[in-house]
Amino acid sequence: GKTIVFTNGCFDIIHPGHIKILKKAKSLGDVLIVGLNSDKSIKKIKGEKRPVIDQKGRCEILSSFWMVDYIILFNEETPIKLIKAILPDFIVKGGDYKREEVVGKDIVEKYGGKVIIIPLYKKYSTTNLIRKINENFKNC
């Protein structure tokens, strides 16, 4: 009888954009489940230099947030298997996604669930933070 909210991602180098999404996601329901890309999955998606923080560290960081109830690691490139197993009431993603692009959209909408897109903080993204750090070190 609880409302289940699902979000997913790499959550590599946590920044204010991540926090905004997690807070909003938690506000939508009783239970927030975070599908966390494994190190193996991130390497497939982002390349061999990622993640910066390994999956154990990312789990430890995410588990310290009051809004996160459960974390599930997944090795695939998308969390479709998790979504099919959990059948959340909401899937929440950041504004770098369009509703129609969200993995699992058709599944949750078929039984009355919703996809919610949270607008991005324009200046925050892990890729941009890594780029900025690299540029700063080049100038040292």
N, C-alpha and C. Protein backbone atom coordinates (compact mmCIF):
# COMPACT_ATOMS: atom_id res chain seq x y z
N GLY A 1 0.79 -1.21 0.00
CA GLY A 1 0.00 0.00 0.00
C GLY A 1 0.83 1.27 0.00
N LYS A 2 2.14 1.14 -0.13
CA LYS A 2 3.00 2.32 -0.14
C LYS A 2 3.26 2.78 -1.58
N THR A 3 3.53 4.07 -1.71
CA THR A 3 3.87 4.62 -3.01
C THR A 3 5.37 4.46 -3.22
N ILE A 4 5.74 3.79 -4.31
CA ILE A 4 7.15 3.51 -4.59
C ILE A 4 7.64 4.42 -5.70
N VAL A 5 8.77 5.06 -5.43
CA VAL A 5 9.40 5.95 -6.40
C VAL A 5 10.74 5.33 -6.77
N PHE A 6 11.06 5.38 -8.05
CA PHE A 6 12.31 4.81 -8.56
C PHE A 6 13.06 5.87 -9.34
N THR A 7 14.35 5.96 -9.09
CA THR A 7 15.22 6.73 -9.96
C THR A 7 16.49 5.91 -10.14
N ASN A 8 17.26 6.28 -11.13
CA ASN A 8 18.49 5.52 -11.36
C ASN A 8 19.56 6.41 -11.96
N GLY A 9 20.79 5.94 -11.88
CA GLY A 9 21.89 6.66 -12.49
C GLY A 9 23.22 6.17 -11.97
N CYS A 10 24.26 6.89 -12.40
CA CYS A 10 25.62 6.56 -12.00
C CYS A 10 25.95 7.15 -10.64
N PHE A 11 25.48 8.36 -10.37
CA PHE A 11 25.73 9.08 -9.14
C PHE A 11 27.23 9.08 -8.80
N ASP A 12 28.01 9.38 -9.82
CA ASP A 12 29.46 9.47 -9.70
C ASP A 12 29.79 10.94 -9.46
N ILE A 13 30.44 11.25 -8.37
CA ILE A 13 30.72 12.62 -7.92
C ILE A 13 29.39 13.34 -7.68
N ILE A 14 28.84 13.11 -6.52
CA ILE A 14 27.55 13.69 -6.14
C ILE A 14 27.63 15.22 -6.16
N HIS A 15 26.62 15.86 -6.76
CA HIS A 15 26.57 17.32 -6.84
C HIS A 15 25.14 17.78 -6.53
N PRO A 16 24.92 19.10 -6.43
CA PRO A 16 23.59 19.61 -6.07
C PRO A 16 22.46 19.15 -6.98
N GLY A 17 22.74 18.91 -8.24
CA GLY A 17 21.71 18.39 -9.14
C GLY A 17 21.20 17.03 -8.70
N HIS A 18 22.12 16.17 -8.26
CA HIS A 18 21.71 14.85 -7.75
C HIS A 18 20.82 15.01 -6.51
N ILE A 19 21.23 15.88 -5.61
CA ILE A 19 20.48 16.08 -4.37
C ILE A 19 19.06 16.58 -4.68
N LYS A 20 18.96 17.52 -5.61
CA LYS A 20 17.65 18.05 -6.00
C LYS A 20 16.74 16.93 -6.51
N ILE A 21 17.26 16.07 -7.35
CA ILE A 21 16.47 14.96 -7.90
C ILE A 21 16.05 13.99 -6.80
N LEU A 22 16.99 13.64 -5.91
CA LEU A 22 16.67 12.70 -4.84
C LEU A 22 15.62 13.26 -3.88
N LYS A 23 15.73 14.54 -3.53
CA LYS A 23 14.74 15.16 -2.63
C LYS A 23 13.36 15.18 -3.28
N LYS A 24 13.29 15.60 -4.53
CA LYS A 24 12.01 15.66 -5.23
C LYS A 24 11.42 14.26 -5.38
N ALA A 25 12.27 13.30 -5.73
CA ALA A 25 11.80 11.92 -5.88
C ALA A 25 11.19 11.42 -4.57
N LYS A 26 11.87 11.64 -3.46
CA LYS A 26 11.37 11.18 -2.16
C LYS A 26 10.05 11.86 -1.81
N SER A 27 9.89 13.12 -2.20
CA SER A 27 8.66 13.85 -1.86
C SER A 27 7.43 13.28 -2.57
N LEU A 28 7.63 12.47 -3.58
CA LEU A 28 6.53 11.92 -4.36
C LEU A 28 5.93 10.64 -3.77
N GLY A 29 6.61 10.04 -2.80
CA GLY A 29 6.12 8.77 -2.30
C GLY A 29 6.65 8.39 -0.94
N ASP A 30 6.40 7.15 -0.58
CA ASP A 30 6.80 6.62 0.73
C ASP A 30 8.19 5.99 0.69
N VAL A 31 8.51 5.37 -0.42
CA VAL A 31 9.77 4.62 -0.54
C VAL A 31 10.50 5.06 -1.79
N LEU A 32 11.77 5.43 -1.62
CA LEU A 32 12.60 5.79 -2.77
C LEU A 32 13.65 4.71 -2.98
N ILE A 33 13.60 4.11 -4.15
CA ILE A 33 14.57 3.09 -4.55
C ILE A 33 15.47 3.71 -5.62
N VAL A 34 16.77 3.62 -5.39
CA VAL A 34 17.75 4.12 -6.36
C VAL A 34 18.39 2.92 -7.06
N GLY A 35 18.23 2.85 -8.36
CA GLY A 35 18.95 1.88 -9.17
C GLY A 35 20.30 2.48 -9.49
N LEU A 36 21.36 1.85 -9.04
CA LEU A 36 22.71 2.39 -9.19
C LEU A 36 23.50 1.58 -10.21
N ASN A 37 23.94 2.26 -11.27
CA ASN A 37 24.78 1.58 -12.26
C ASN A 37 26.04 1.05 -11.58
N SER A 38 26.35 -0.21 -11.83
CA SER A 38 27.58 -0.81 -11.31
C SER A 38 28.78 -0.20 -12.04
N ASP A 39 29.96 -0.45 -11.51
CA ASP A 39 31.18 0.02 -12.18
C ASP A 39 31.25 -0.53 -13.60
N LYS A 40 30.92 -1.80 -13.75
CA LYS A 40 30.95 -2.45 -15.07
C LYS A 40 30.00 -1.74 -16.04
N SER A 41 28.81 -1.43 -15.57
CA SER A 41 27.80 -0.76 -16.39
C SER A 41 28.27 0.64 -16.81
N ILE A 42 28.84 1.37 -15.87
CA ILE A 42 29.31 2.73 -16.17
C ILE A 42 30.42 2.71 -17.21
N LYS A 43 31.33 1.77 -17.09
CA LYS A 43 32.41 1.68 -18.07
C LYS A 43 31.86 1.47 -19.48
N LYS A 44 30.80 0.66 -19.59
CA LYS A 44 30.16 0.45 -20.89
C LYS A 44 29.58 1.75 -21.44
N ILE A 45 28.97 2.54 -20.56
CA ILE A 45 28.25 3.74 -20.98
C ILE A 45 29.17 4.95 -21.13
N LYS A 46 30.08 5.14 -20.15
CA LYS A 46 30.87 6.38 -20.06
C LYS A 46 32.32 6.22 -20.48
N GLY A 47 32.79 4.97 -20.60
CA GLY A 47 34.19 4.75 -20.97
C GLY A 47 35.02 4.25 -19.81
N GLU A 48 36.21 3.82 -20.13
CA GLU A 48 37.09 3.15 -19.17
C GLU A 48 37.57 4.02 -18.01
N LYS A 49 37.55 5.34 -18.16
CA LYS A 49 38.04 6.22 -17.09
C LYS A 49 36.98 6.48 -16.02
N ARG A 50 35.80 5.99 -16.22
CA ARG A 50 34.72 6.18 -15.26
C ARG A 50 34.32 4.83 -14.69
N PRO A 51 33.79 4.75 -13.51
CA PRO A 51 33.47 5.86 -12.63
C PRO A 51 34.70 6.40 -11.90
N VAL A 52 34.58 7.59 -11.39
CA VAL A 52 35.64 8.18 -10.57
C VAL A 52 35.59 7.52 -9.19
N ILE A 53 34.39 7.35 -8.66
CA ILE A 53 34.19 6.70 -7.35
C ILE A 53 33.58 5.32 -7.61
N ASP A 54 34.19 4.29 -7.02
CA ASP A 54 33.71 2.92 -7.29
C ASP A 54 32.33 2.69 -6.67
N GLN A 55 31.71 1.57 -7.06
CA GLN A 55 30.33 1.30 -6.66
C GLN A 55 30.18 1.19 -5.15
N LYS A 56 31.16 0.65 -4.47
CA LYS A 56 31.08 0.56 -3.00
C LYS A 56 31.03 1.96 -2.39
N GLY A 57 31.87 2.85 -2.87
CA GLY A 57 31.88 4.22 -2.37
C GLY A 57 30.61 4.97 -2.70
N ARG A 58 30.12 4.78 -3.92
CA ARG A 58 28.87 5.45 -4.32
C ARG A 58 27.69 4.93 -3.51
N CYS A 59 27.67 3.63 -3.21
CA CYS A 59 26.62 3.08 -2.35
C CYS A 59 26.70 3.68 -0.94
N GLU A 60 27.90 3.80 -0.44
CA GLU A 60 28.08 4.37 0.91
C GLU A 60 27.59 5.82 0.96
N ILE A 61 27.93 6.60 -0.05
CA ILE A 61 27.48 7.99 -0.10
C ILE A 61 25.96 8.06 -0.18
N LEU A 62 25.37 7.35 -1.13
CA LEU A 62 23.91 7.39 -1.31
C LEU A 62 23.17 6.88 -0.08
N SER A 63 23.70 5.86 0.57
CA SER A 63 23.01 5.30 1.74
C SER A 63 23.03 6.25 2.93
N SER A 64 23.85 7.27 2.89
CA SER A 64 23.90 8.24 3.99
C SER A 64 22.82 9.32 3.86
N PHE A 65 22.14 9.38 2.73
CA PHE A 65 21.12 10.40 2.51
C PHE A 65 19.78 9.93 3.08
N TRP A 66 19.12 10.83 3.82
CA TRP A 66 17.84 10.50 4.47
C TRP A 66 16.77 10.11 3.46
N MET A 67 16.86 10.63 2.25
CA MET A 67 15.78 10.40 1.28
C MET A 67 15.88 9.06 0.56
N VAL A 68 17.01 8.39 0.65
CA VAL A 68 17.20 7.11 -0.06
C VAL A 68 16.86 5.95 0.87
N ASP A 69 15.88 5.15 0.47
CA ASP A 69 15.47 4.01 1.29
C ASP A 69 16.19 2.72 0.88
N TYR A 70 16.35 2.52 -0.42
CA TYR A 70 17.00 1.31 -0.92
C TYR A 70 17.87 1.66 -2.11
N ILE A 71 18.97 0.91 -2.25
CA ILE A 71 19.86 1.04 -3.40
C ILE A 71 20.02 -0.35 -3.99
N ILE A 72 19.83 -0.44 -5.30
CA ILE A 72 20.01 -1.72 -5.99
C ILE A 72 21.01 -1.50 -7.12
N LEU A 73 22.13 -2.22 -7.05
CA LEU A 73 23.13 -2.16 -8.12
C LEU A 73 22.65 -2.98 -9.31
N PHE A 74 22.94 -2.46 -10.51
CA PHE A 74 22.63 -3.26 -11.70
C PHE A 74 23.77 -3.16 -12.70
N ASN A 75 24.01 -4.27 -13.41
CA ASN A 75 25.13 -4.37 -14.36
C ASN A 75 24.76 -4.01 -15.79
N GLU A 76 23.48 -4.01 -16.10
CA GLU A 76 23.05 -3.73 -17.45
C GLU A 76 23.18 -2.24 -17.76
N GLU A 77 23.08 -1.89 -19.02
CA GLU A 77 23.15 -0.49 -19.41
C GLU A 77 21.90 0.28 -19.02
N THR A 78 20.77 -0.40 -18.88
CA THR A 78 19.53 0.25 -18.45
C THR A 78 18.94 -0.55 -17.28
N PRO A 79 18.06 0.11 -16.50
CA PRO A 79 17.45 -0.57 -15.36
C PRO A 79 16.11 -1.24 -15.68
N ILE A 80 15.89 -1.60 -16.92
CA ILE A 80 14.59 -2.13 -17.32
C ILE A 80 14.18 -3.36 -16.50
N LYS A 81 15.12 -4.24 -16.19
CA LYS A 81 14.79 -5.43 -15.39
C LYS A 81 14.32 -5.04 -14.00
N LEU A 82 14.97 -4.05 -13.41
CA LEU A 82 14.57 -3.56 -12.08
C LEU A 82 13.17 -2.97 -12.12
N ILE A 83 12.91 -2.16 -13.12
CA ILE A 83 11.61 -1.52 -13.24
C ILE A 83 10.50 -2.56 -13.38
N LYS A 84 10.76 -3.59 -14.19
CA LYS A 84 9.77 -4.66 -14.35
C LYS A 84 9.54 -5.42 -13.05
N ALA A 85 10.58 -5.58 -12.25
CA ALA A 85 10.46 -6.31 -10.99
C ALA A 85 9.80 -5.46 -9.90
N ILE A 86 10.13 -4.17 -9.85
CA ILE A 86 9.65 -3.29 -8.79
C ILE A 86 8.25 -2.74 -9.09
N LEU A 87 7.98 -2.41 -10.34
CA LEU A 87 6.73 -1.78 -10.76
C LEU A 87 6.44 -0.53 -9.92
N PRO A 88 7.33 0.47 -10.01
CA PRO A 88 7.16 1.67 -9.20
C PRO A 88 5.96 2.51 -9.65
N ASP A 89 5.48 3.33 -8.72
CA ASP A 89 4.40 4.27 -9.04
C ASP A 89 4.93 5.46 -9.82
N PHE A 90 6.18 5.81 -9.57
CA PHE A 90 6.83 6.92 -10.26
C PHE A 90 8.24 6.52 -10.68
N ILE A 91 8.63 6.97 -11.87
CA ILE A 91 10.04 6.95 -12.27
C ILE A 91 10.43 8.42 -12.37
N VAL A 92 11.52 8.78 -11.71
CA VAL A 92 12.00 10.16 -11.70
C VAL A 92 13.36 10.23 -12.37
N LYS A 93 13.49 11.18 -13.30
CA LYS A 93 14.76 11.40 -13.99
C LYS A 93 15.04 12.90 -14.06
N GLY A 94 16.31 13.22 -14.29
CA GLY A 94 16.72 14.62 -14.45
C GLY A 94 16.36 15.15 -15.82
N GLY A 95 16.36 16.47 -15.93
CA GLY A 95 15.94 17.17 -17.14
C GLY A 95 16.81 16.96 -18.36
N ASP A 96 17.87 16.17 -18.25
CA ASP A 96 18.64 15.84 -19.44
C ASP A 96 17.93 14.73 -20.23
N TYR A 97 16.81 14.25 -19.70
CA TYR A 97 15.98 13.25 -20.39
C TYR A 97 14.66 13.88 -20.82
N LYS A 98 14.13 13.40 -21.92
CA LYS A 98 12.77 13.72 -22.32
C LYS A 98 11.90 12.55 -21.85
N ARG A 99 10.66 12.82 -21.51
CA ARG A 99 9.76 11.77 -21.02
C ARG A 99 9.76 10.53 -21.91
N GLU A 100 9.70 10.77 -23.21
CA GLU A 100 9.60 9.62 -24.12
C GLU A 100 10.87 8.79 -24.16
N GLU A 101 11.99 9.32 -23.68
CA GLU A 101 13.27 8.60 -23.68
C GLU A 101 13.49 7.77 -22.41
N VAL A 102 12.67 7.97 -21.41
CA VAL A 102 12.91 7.33 -20.11
C VAL A 102 12.63 5.84 -20.19
N VAL A 103 13.64 5.06 -19.83
CA VAL A 103 13.51 3.60 -19.82
C VAL A 103 12.44 3.20 -18.81
N GLY A 104 11.51 2.39 -19.23
CA GLY A 104 10.44 1.91 -18.37
C GLY A 104 9.16 2.74 -18.42
N LYS A 105 9.18 3.83 -19.17
CA LYS A 105 8.02 4.72 -19.28
C LYS A 105 6.77 3.95 -19.67
N ASP A 106 6.85 3.16 -20.73
CA ASP A 106 5.68 2.42 -21.22
C ASP A 106 5.15 1.44 -20.17
N ILE A 107 6.07 0.84 -19.45
CA ILE A 107 5.67 -0.15 -18.43
C ILE A 107 4.88 0.53 -17.32
N VAL A 108 5.43 1.59 -16.72
CA VAL A 108 4.74 2.22 -15.58
C VAL A 108 3.45 2.92 -16.01
N GLU A 109 3.45 3.52 -17.18
CA GLU A 109 2.23 4.20 -17.62
C GLU A 109 1.11 3.22 -17.94
N LYS A 110 1.47 2.00 -18.30
CA LYS A 110 0.46 0.98 -18.62
C LYS A 110 -0.41 0.67 -17.40
N TYR A 111 0.17 0.72 -16.19
CA TYR A 111 -0.63 0.44 -14.99
C TYR A 111 -0.93 1.70 -14.17
N GLY A 112 -0.80 2.88 -14.80
CA GLY A 112 -1.20 4.12 -14.13
C GLY A 112 -0.10 4.87 -13.43
N GLY A 113 1.14 4.38 -13.53
CA GLY A 113 2.28 5.09 -12.94
C GLY A 113 2.66 6.29 -13.79
N LYS A 114 3.56 7.09 -13.27
CA LYS A 114 3.95 8.31 -13.97
C LYS A 114 5.46 8.45 -14.06
N VAL A 115 5.89 9.14 -15.10
CA VAL A 115 7.29 9.54 -15.26
C VAL A 115 7.36 11.02 -14.95
N ILE A 116 8.28 11.39 -14.06
CA ILE A 116 8.46 12.77 -13.65
C ILE A 116 9.87 13.20 -14.05
N ILE A 117 9.97 14.33 -14.74
CA ILE A 117 11.26 14.89 -15.13
C ILE A 117 11.53 16.12 -14.25
N ILE A 118 12.67 16.12 -13.59
CA ILE A 118 13.08 17.23 -12.72
C ILE A 118 14.03 18.13 -13.50
N PRO A 119 13.71 19.41 -13.61
CA PRO A 119 14.62 20.32 -14.33
C PRO A 119 16.03 20.28 -13.75
N LEU A 120 17.01 20.39 -14.62
CA LEU A 120 18.42 20.35 -14.20
C LEU A 120 18.87 21.68 -13.63
N TYR A 121 19.87 21.58 -12.74
CA TYR A 121 20.68 22.73 -12.42
C TYR A 121 21.65 22.85 -13.57
N LYS A 122 21.57 23.87 -14.36
CA LYS A 122 22.35 23.97 -15.60
C LYS A 122 23.86 23.83 -15.38
N LYS A 123 24.37 24.39 -14.29
CA LYS A 123 25.83 24.39 -14.15
C LYS A 123 26.39 23.11 -13.53
N TYR A 124 25.51 22.16 -13.15
CA TYR A 124 26.02 20.95 -12.51
C TYR A 124 25.78 19.72 -13.35
N SER A 125 26.86 19.04 -13.67
CA SER A 125 26.82 17.70 -14.24
C SER A 125 28.16 17.07 -13.92
N THR A 126 28.17 15.78 -13.71
CA THR A 126 29.42 15.11 -13.37
C THR A 126 30.44 15.28 -14.48
N THR A 127 30.01 15.13 -15.72
CA THR A 127 30.93 15.29 -16.86
C THR A 127 31.54 16.69 -16.87
N ASN A 128 30.71 17.71 -16.64
CA ASN A 128 31.24 19.08 -16.62
C ASN A 128 32.18 19.30 -15.44
N LEU A 129 31.87 18.72 -14.28
CA LEU A 129 32.76 18.84 -13.13
C LEU A 129 34.12 18.20 -13.41
N ILE A 130 34.11 17.03 -14.02
CA ILE A 130 35.37 16.35 -14.36
C ILE A 130 36.16 17.20 -15.35
N ARG A 131 35.48 17.74 -16.35
CA ARG A 131 36.13 18.61 -17.33
C ARG A 131 36.77 19.82 -16.64
N LYS A 132 36.05 20.44 -15.74
CA LYS A 132 36.55 21.62 -15.02
C LYS A 132 37.77 21.27 -14.15
N ILE A 133 37.70 20.14 -13.46
CA ILE A 133 38.83 19.69 -12.64
C ILE A 133 40.05 19.46 -13.52
N ASN A 134 39.86 18.78 -14.65
CA ASN A 134 40.97 18.53 -15.57
C ASN A 134 41.58 19.82 -16.09
N GLU A 135 40.74 20.78 -16.45
CA GLU A 135 41.24 22.07 -16.93
C GLU A 135 42.02 22.79 -15.85
N ASN A 136 41.55 22.73 -14.62
CA ASN A 136 42.25 23.41 -13.52
C ASN A 136 43.62 22.78 -13.26
N PHE A 137 43.70 21.45 -13.36
CA PHE A 137 44.98 20.79 -13.13
C PHE A 137 45.97 21.04 -14.28
N LYS A 138 45.47 21.25 -15.49
CA LYS A 138 46.36 21.55 -16.61
C LYS A 138 47.05 22.90 -16.39
N ASN A 139 46.37 23.79 -15.69
CA ASN A 139 46.92 25.13 -15.46
C ASN A 139 47.80 25.23 -14.23
N CYS A 140 48.00 24.12 -13.54
CA CYS A 140 48.84 24.14 -12.32
C CYS A 140 50.31 24.03 -12.67
